[in-house]
């Protein structure tokens, strides 16, 4: 019985020793193939909030489809187009959207509903009517529904600024046009 335990212990250690030797041989061959790049100490990069510099982007919504514009904005806010993307970490740029009143909805029969709080107080408005009065809210709501439904998503939504005309109040931040940035 004791001899069987010793043999099992010896086999287990031998397998461990052989796997370490095999790993070392593989790593040495990787060093030779990759011209001196040491692959053994590479680690996964996780972005941290203090490592990210804030930048400002400018987007013109003139003539763009509401859904495609919202998808672009949500992707930029989440940082999915950034190689340093880390889930749950805010690496998003600040985004300024101008000409929100000139965005094109894909269909005009969509309705917005809300309730006043009184009996029979349900109200509705079509997208066309809402774009005439509150076009900035239409874009904000579309992007909000594409972001995570938690505190991270609400924090990201604060980095989106939407303006009806071509003038905005963030000229001091010198936002880059999104077409020049890409």
C-alpha atoms as a PDB file:
ATOM      1  CA  UNK A   1       0.000   0.000   0.000  1.00  0.00           C
ATOM      2  CA  UNK A   2       2.735   2.459   0.911  1.00  0.00           C
ATOM      3  CA  UNK A   3       4.657   1.503  -2.211  1.00  0.00           C
ATOM      4  CA  UNK A   4       1.596   2.254  -4.387  1.00  0.00           C
ATOM      5  CA  UNK A   5       1.287   5.727  -2.872  1.00  0.00           C
ATOM      6  CA  UNK A   6       4.973   6.432  -3.539  1.00  0.00           C
ATOM      7  CA  UNK A   7       4.669   5.323  -7.158  1.00  0.00           C
ATOM      8  CA  UNK A   8       1.576   7.526  -7.639  1.00  0.00           C
ATOM      9  CA  UNK A   9       3.375  10.476  -6.025  1.00  0.00           C
ATOM     10  CA  UNK A  10       6.407   9.903  -8.265  1.00  0.00           C
ATOM     11  CA  UNK A  11       4.243   9.727 -11.429  1.00  0.00           C
ATOM     12  CA  UNK A  12       2.398  12.907 -10.443  1.00  0.00           C
ATOM     13  CA  UNK A  13       5.637  14.856  -9.877  1.00  0.00           C
ATOM     14  CA  UNK A  14       7.153  13.476 -13.072  1.00  0.00           C
ATOM     15  CA  UNK A  15       4.163  14.697 -15.082  1.00  0.00           C
ATOM     16  CA  UNK A  16       4.435  18.131 -13.471  1.00  0.00           C
ATOM     17  CA  UNK A  17       8.183  18.247 -14.128  1.00  0.00           C
ATOM     18  CA  UNK A  18       7.734  17.176 -17.753  1.00  0.00           C
ATOM     19  CA  UNK A  19       5.041  19.792 -18.344  1.00  0.00           C
ATOM     20  CA  UNK A  20       7.358  22.530 -16.985  1.00  0.00           C
ATOM     21  CA  UNK A  21      10.167  21.311 -19.254  1.00  0.00           C
ATOM     22  CA  UNK A  22       7.767  21.183 -22.221  1.00  0.00           C
ATOM     23  CA  UNK A  23       6.529  24.723 -21.443  1.00  0.00           C
ATOM     24  CA  UNK A  24      10.137  25.995 -21.285  1.00  0.00           C
ATOM     25  CA  UNK A  25      10.953  24.421 -24.663  1.00  0.00           C
ATOM     26  CA  UNK A  26       7.851  25.975 -26.225  1.00  0.00           C
ATOM     27  CA  UNK A  27       8.690  29.401 -24.812  1.00  0.00           C
ATOM     28  CA  UNK A  28      12.254  29.182 -26.120  1.00  0.00           C
ATOM     29  CA  UNK A  29      10.964  28.300 -29.585  1.00  0.00           C
ATOM     30  CA  UNK A  30       8.550  31.259 -29.388  1.00  0.00           C
ATOM     31  CA  UNK A  31      11.474  33.537 -28.583  1.00  0.00           C
ATOM     32  CA  UNK A  32      13.365  32.261 -31.596  1.00  0.00           C
ATOM     33  CA  UNK A  33      10.347  32.533 -33.937  1.00  0.00           C
ATOM     34  CA  UNK A  34       9.298  35.994 -32.729  1.00  0.00           C
ATOM     35  CA  UNK A  35      12.788  37.477 -33.010  1.00  0.00           C
ATOM     36  CA  UNK A  36      13.491  38.069 -29.348  1.00  0.00           C
ATOM     37  CA  UNK A  37      10.032  39.065 -28.088  1.00  0.00           C
ATOM     38  CA  UNK A  38       9.547  37.507 -24.681  1.00  0.00           C
ATOM     39  CA  UNK A  39       6.038  36.021 -24.707  1.00  0.00           C
ATOM     40  CA  UNK A  40       6.173  34.675 -21.146  1.00  0.00           C
ATOM     41  CA  UNK A  41       5.431  37.935 -19.344  1.00  0.00           C
ATOM     42  CA  UNK A  42       2.693  39.399 -21.584  1.00  0.00           C
ATOM     43  CA  UNK A  43      -0.414  40.256 -19.620  1.00  0.00           C
ATOM     44  CA  UNK A  44      -3.921  41.327 -20.552  1.00  0.00           C
ATOM     45  CA  UNK A  45      -4.285  45.088 -20.520  1.00  0.00           C
ATOM     46  CA  UNK A  46      -7.127  46.578 -18.463  1.00  0.00           C
ATOM     47  CA  UNK A  47      -7.726  50.285 -18.926  1.00  0.00           C
ATOM     48  CA  UNK A  48      -7.983  52.461 -15.848  1.00  0.00           C
ATOM     49  CA  UNK A  49      -9.856  55.731 -15.615  1.00  0.00           C
ATOM     50  CA  UNK A  50      -6.735  57.762 -14.779  1.00  0.00           C
ATOM     51  CA  UNK A  51      -4.909  56.401 -17.866  1.00  0.00           C
ATOM     52  CA  UNK A  52      -7.477  57.832 -20.277  1.00  0.00           C
ATOM     53  CA  UNK A  53      -7.198  61.405 -21.541  1.00  0.00           C
ATOM     54  CA  UNK A  54     -10.516  63.058 -22.303  1.00  0.00           C
ATOM     55  CA  UNK A  55     -11.140  64.138 -25.865  1.00  0.00           C
ATOM     56  CA  UNK A  56     -14.085  65.842 -27.520  1.00  0.00           C
ATOM     57  CA  UNK A  57     -15.753  64.827 -30.771  1.00  0.00           C
ATOM     58  CA  UNK A  58     -18.166  66.810 -32.946  1.00  0.00           C
ATOM     59  CA  UNK A  59     -20.921  65.059 -34.918  1.00  0.00           C
ATOM     60  CA  UNK A  60     -23.303  66.707 -37.359  1.00  0.00           C
ATOM     61  CA  UNK A  61     -26.658  64.919 -37.528  1.00  0.00           C
ATOM     62  CA  UNK A  62     -27.719  66.689 -40.706  1.00  0.00           C
ATOM     63  CA  UNK A  63     -29.242  64.242 -43.182  1.00  0.00           C
ATOM     64  CA  UNK A  64     -28.276  61.151 -41.171  1.00  0.00           C
ATOM     65  CA  UNK A  65     -30.616  58.327 -40.213  1.00  0.00           C
ATOM     66  CA  UNK A  66     -31.661  58.397 -36.551  1.00  0.00           C
ATOM     67  CA  UNK A  67     -30.910  54.724 -35.930  1.00  0.00           C
ATOM     68  CA  UNK A  68     -27.502  54.693 -37.610  1.00  0.00           C
ATOM     69  CA  UNK A  69     -26.474  57.907 -35.864  1.00  0.00           C
ATOM     70  CA  UNK A  70     -27.596  56.534 -32.493  1.00  0.00           C
ATOM     71  CA  UNK A  71     -25.674  53.306 -33.063  1.00  0.00           C
ATOM     72  CA  UNK A  72     -22.519  55.243 -33.899  1.00  0.00           C
ATOM     73  CA  UNK A  73     -22.884  57.432 -30.810  1.00  0.00           C
ATOM     74  CA  UNK A  74     -23.574  54.483 -28.483  1.00  0.00           C
ATOM     75  CA  UNK A  75     -20.569  52.609 -29.841  1.00  0.00           C
ATOM     76  CA  UNK A  76     -18.310  55.640 -29.349  1.00  0.00           C
ATOM     77  CA  UNK A  77     -19.649  56.218 -25.830  1.00  0.00           C
ATOM     78  CA  UNK A  78     -19.034  52.615 -24.815  1.00  0.00           C
ATOM     79  CA  UNK A  79     -15.543  52.742 -26.325  1.00  0.00           C
ATOM     80  CA  UNK A  80     -16.090  49.669 -28.490  1.00  0.00           C
ATOM     81  CA  UNK A  81     -14.062  51.198 -31.321  1.00  0.00           C
ATOM     82  CA  UNK A  82     -11.096  51.758 -29.000  1.00  0.00           C
ATOM     83  CA  UNK A  83      -8.415  49.022 -28.772  1.00  0.00           C
ATOM     84  CA  UNK A  84      -8.190  49.696 -25.026  1.00  0.00           C
ATOM     85  CA  UNK A  85     -11.876  48.824 -24.526  1.00  0.00           C
ATOM     86  CA  UNK A  86     -12.515  47.433 -21.057  1.00  0.00           C
ATOM     87  CA  UNK A  87     -16.074  46.610 -19.956  1.00  0.00           C
ATOM     88  CA  UNK A  88     -17.235  48.791 -17.082  1.00  0.00           C
ATOM     89  CA  UNK A  89     -14.461  51.375 -17.464  1.00  0.00           C
ATOM     90  CA  UNK A  90     -15.274  54.829 -18.788  1.00  0.00           C
ATOM     91  CA  UNK A  91     -12.869  55.438 -21.701  1.00  0.00           C
ATOM     92  CA  UNK A  92     -15.420  57.303 -23.776  1.00  0.00           C
ATOM     93  CA  UNK A  93     -14.856  60.679 -25.384  1.00  0.00           C
ATOM     94  CA  UNK A  94     -17.199  63.601 -24.864  1.00  0.00           C
ATOM     95  CA  UNK A  95     -19.493  63.890 -27.889  1.00  0.00           C
ATOM     96  CA  UNK A  96     -21.188  67.065 -29.137  1.00  0.00           C
ATOM     97  CA  UNK A  97     -24.019  66.537 -31.634  1.00  0.00           C
ATOM     98  CA  UNK A  98     -25.196  69.519 -33.691  1.00  0.00           C
ATOM     99  CA  UNK A  99     -28.101  69.925 -36.152  1.00  0.00           C
ATOM    100  CA  UNK A 100     -30.269  67.428 -34.280  1.00  0.00           C
ATOM    101  CA  UNK A 101     -33.377  68.961 -35.839  1.00  0.00           C
ATOM    102  CA  UNK A 102     -32.209  67.810 -39.305  1.00  0.00           C
ATOM    103  CA  UNK A 103     -31.945  64.100 -38.500  1.00  0.00           C
ATOM    104  CA  UNK A 104     -34.126  61.727 -40.559  1.00  0.00           C
ATOM    105  CA  UNK A 105     -36.208  59.066 -38.797  1.00  0.00           C
ATOM    106  CA  UNK A 106     -36.600  55.804 -40.714  1.00  0.00           C
ATOM    107  CA  UNK A 107     -40.371  55.882 -40.252  1.00  0.00           C
ATOM    108  CA  UNK A 108     -42.797  58.552 -39.110  1.00  0.00           C
ATOM    109  CA  UNK A 109     -45.520  56.328 -37.677  1.00  0.00           C
ATOM    110  CA  UNK A 110     -43.595  55.633 -34.447  1.00  0.00           C
ATOM    111  CA  UNK A 111     -45.233  57.190 -31.391  1.00  0.00           C
ATOM    112  CA  UNK A 112     -43.875  58.462 -28.093  1.00  0.00           C
ATOM    113  CA  UNK A 113     -46.217  57.867 -25.137  1.00  0.00           C
ATOM    114  CA  UNK A 114     -46.270  59.399 -21.670  1.00  0.00           C
ATOM    115  CA  UNK A 115     -48.799  59.747 -18.887  1.00  0.00           C
ATOM    116  CA  UNK A 116     -49.699  62.916 -17.006  1.00  0.00           C
ATOM    117  CA  UNK A 117     -50.593  61.078 -13.801  1.00  0.00           C
ATOM    118  CA  UNK A 118     -54.296  61.904 -13.997  1.00  0.00           C
ATOM    119  CA  UNK A 119     -57.037  59.448 -14.983  1.00  0.00           C
ATOM    120  CA  UNK A 120     -57.236  59.259 -18.778  1.00  0.00           C
ATOM    121  CA  UNK A 121     -54.047  61.299 -19.047  1.00  0.00           C
ATOM    122  CA  UNK A 122     -52.195  59.213 -21.638  1.00  0.00           C
ATOM    123  CA  UNK A 123     -50.551  61.424 -24.240  1.00  0.00           C
ATOM    124  CA  UNK A 124     -48.835  60.534 -27.496  1.00  0.00           C
ATOM    125  CA  UNK A 125     -46.793  62.241 -30.147  1.00  0.00           C
ATOM    126  CA  UNK A 126     -45.331  61.024 -33.450  1.00  0.00           C
ATOM    127  CA  UNK A 127     -41.606  61.154 -34.202  1.00  0.00           C
ATOM    128  CA  UNK A 128     -42.139  63.940 -36.736  1.00  0.00           C
ATOM    129  CA  UNK A 129     -43.928  66.109 -34.164  1.00  0.00           C
ATOM    130  CA  UNK A 130     -41.285  65.355 -31.520  1.00  0.00           C
ATOM    131  CA  UNK A 131     -38.445  66.238 -33.910  1.00  0.00           C
ATOM    132  CA  UNK A 132     -39.994  69.657 -34.520  1.00  0.00           C
ATOM    133  CA  UNK A 133     -40.230  70.498 -30.807  1.00  0.00           C
ATOM    134  CA  UNK A 134     -37.655  68.377 -28.919  1.00  0.00           C
ATOM    135  CA  UNK A 135     -35.234  66.934 -31.463  1.00  0.00           C
ATOM    136  CA  UNK A 136     -32.395  66.767 -28.930  1.00  0.00           C
ATOM    137  CA  UNK A 137     -34.455  64.490 -26.666  1.00  0.00           C
ATOM    138  CA  UNK A 138     -35.173  62.109 -29.555  1.00  0.00           C
ATOM    139  CA  UNK A 139     -31.459  61.485 -30.101  1.00  0.00           C
ATOM    140  CA  UNK A 140     -30.741  61.262 -26.362  1.00  0.00           C
ATOM    141  CA  UNK A 141     -33.533  58.714 -25.875  1.00  0.00           C
ATOM    142  CA  UNK A 142     -32.392  56.617 -28.848  1.00  0.00           C
ATOM    143  CA  UNK A 143     -28.808  56.484 -27.538  1.00  0.00           C
ATOM    144  CA  UNK A 144     -29.961  55.870 -23.961  1.00  0.00           C
ATOM    145  CA  UNK A 145     -31.839  52.760 -25.066  1.00  0.00           C
ATOM    146  CA  UNK A 146     -28.658  51.384 -26.680  1.00  0.00           C
ATOM    147  CA  UNK A 147     -26.483  51.782 -23.575  1.00  0.00           C
ATOM    148  CA  UNK A 148     -26.349  49.423 -20.564  1.00  0.00           C
ATOM    149  CA  UNK A 149     -29.249  49.830 -18.177  1.00  0.00           C
ATOM    150  CA  UNK A 150     -27.172  50.512 -15.060  1.00  0.00           C
ATOM    151  CA  UNK A 151     -25.155  53.276 -13.400  1.00  0.00           C
ATOM    152  CA  UNK A 152     -22.361  52.920 -15.976  1.00  0.00           C
ATOM    153  CA  UNK A 153     -24.809  53.592 -18.813  1.00  0.00           C
ATOM    154  CA  UNK A 154     -26.228  56.632 -17.028  1.00  0.00           C
ATOM    155  CA  UNK A 155     -22.716  57.983 -16.478  1.00  0.00           C
ATOM    156  CA  UNK A 156     -21.870  57.501 -20.158  1.00  0.00           C
ATOM    157  CA  UNK A 157     -25.014  59.357 -21.225  1.00  0.00           C
ATOM    158  CA  UNK A 158     -23.794  62.486 -19.406  1.00  0.00           C
ATOM    159  CA  UNK A 159     -20.924  62.645 -21.918  1.00  0.00           C
ATOM    160  CA  UNK A 160     -23.337  63.232 -24.812  1.00  0.00           C
ATOM    161  CA  UNK A 161     -24.373  66.833 -25.572  1.00  0.00           C
ATOM    162  CA  UNK A 162     -27.043  67.441 -28.231  1.00  0.00           C
ATOM    163  CA  UNK A 163     -27.880  70.838 -29.797  1.00  0.00           C
ATOM    164  CA  UNK A 164     -30.649  71.771 -32.238  1.00  0.00           C
ATOM    165  CA  UNK A 165     -28.759  74.214 -34.441  1.00  0.00           C
ATOM    166  CA  UNK A 166     -25.231  74.377 -35.746  1.00  0.00           C
ATOM    167  CA  UNK A 167     -24.058  76.422 -32.735  1.00  0.00           C
ATOM    168  CA  UNK A 168     -22.905  74.755 -29.516  1.00  0.00           C
ATOM    169  CA  UNK A 169     -21.489  75.925 -26.198  1.00  0.00           C
ATOM    170  CA  UNK A 170     -18.380  73.703 -26.158  1.00  0.00           C
ATOM    171  CA  UNK A 171     -16.104  75.627 -28.518  1.00  0.00           C
ATOM    172  CA  UNK A 172     -13.550  76.047 -25.722  1.00  0.00           C
ATOM    173  CA  UNK A 173     -12.976  72.261 -25.677  1.00  0.00           C
ATOM    174  CA  UNK A 174     -12.094  72.326 -29.412  1.00  0.00           C
ATOM    175  CA  UNK A 175     -13.984  69.178 -30.436  1.00  0.00           C
ATOM    176  CA  UNK A 176     -12.638  67.347 -33.479  1.00  0.00           C
ATOM    177  CA  UNK A 177     -14.998  66.434 -36.297  1.00  0.00           C
ATOM    178  CA  UNK A 178     -15.775  62.724 -36.140  1.00  0.00           C
ATOM    179  CA  UNK A 179     -14.967  62.327 -39.848  1.00  0.00           C
ATOM    180  CA  UNK A 180     -11.448  63.696 -39.300  1.00  0.00           C
ATOM    181  CA  UNK A 181     -10.948  61.531 -36.189  1.00  0.00           C
ATOM    182  CA  UNK A 182     -11.827  58.196 -37.829  1.00  0.00           C
END
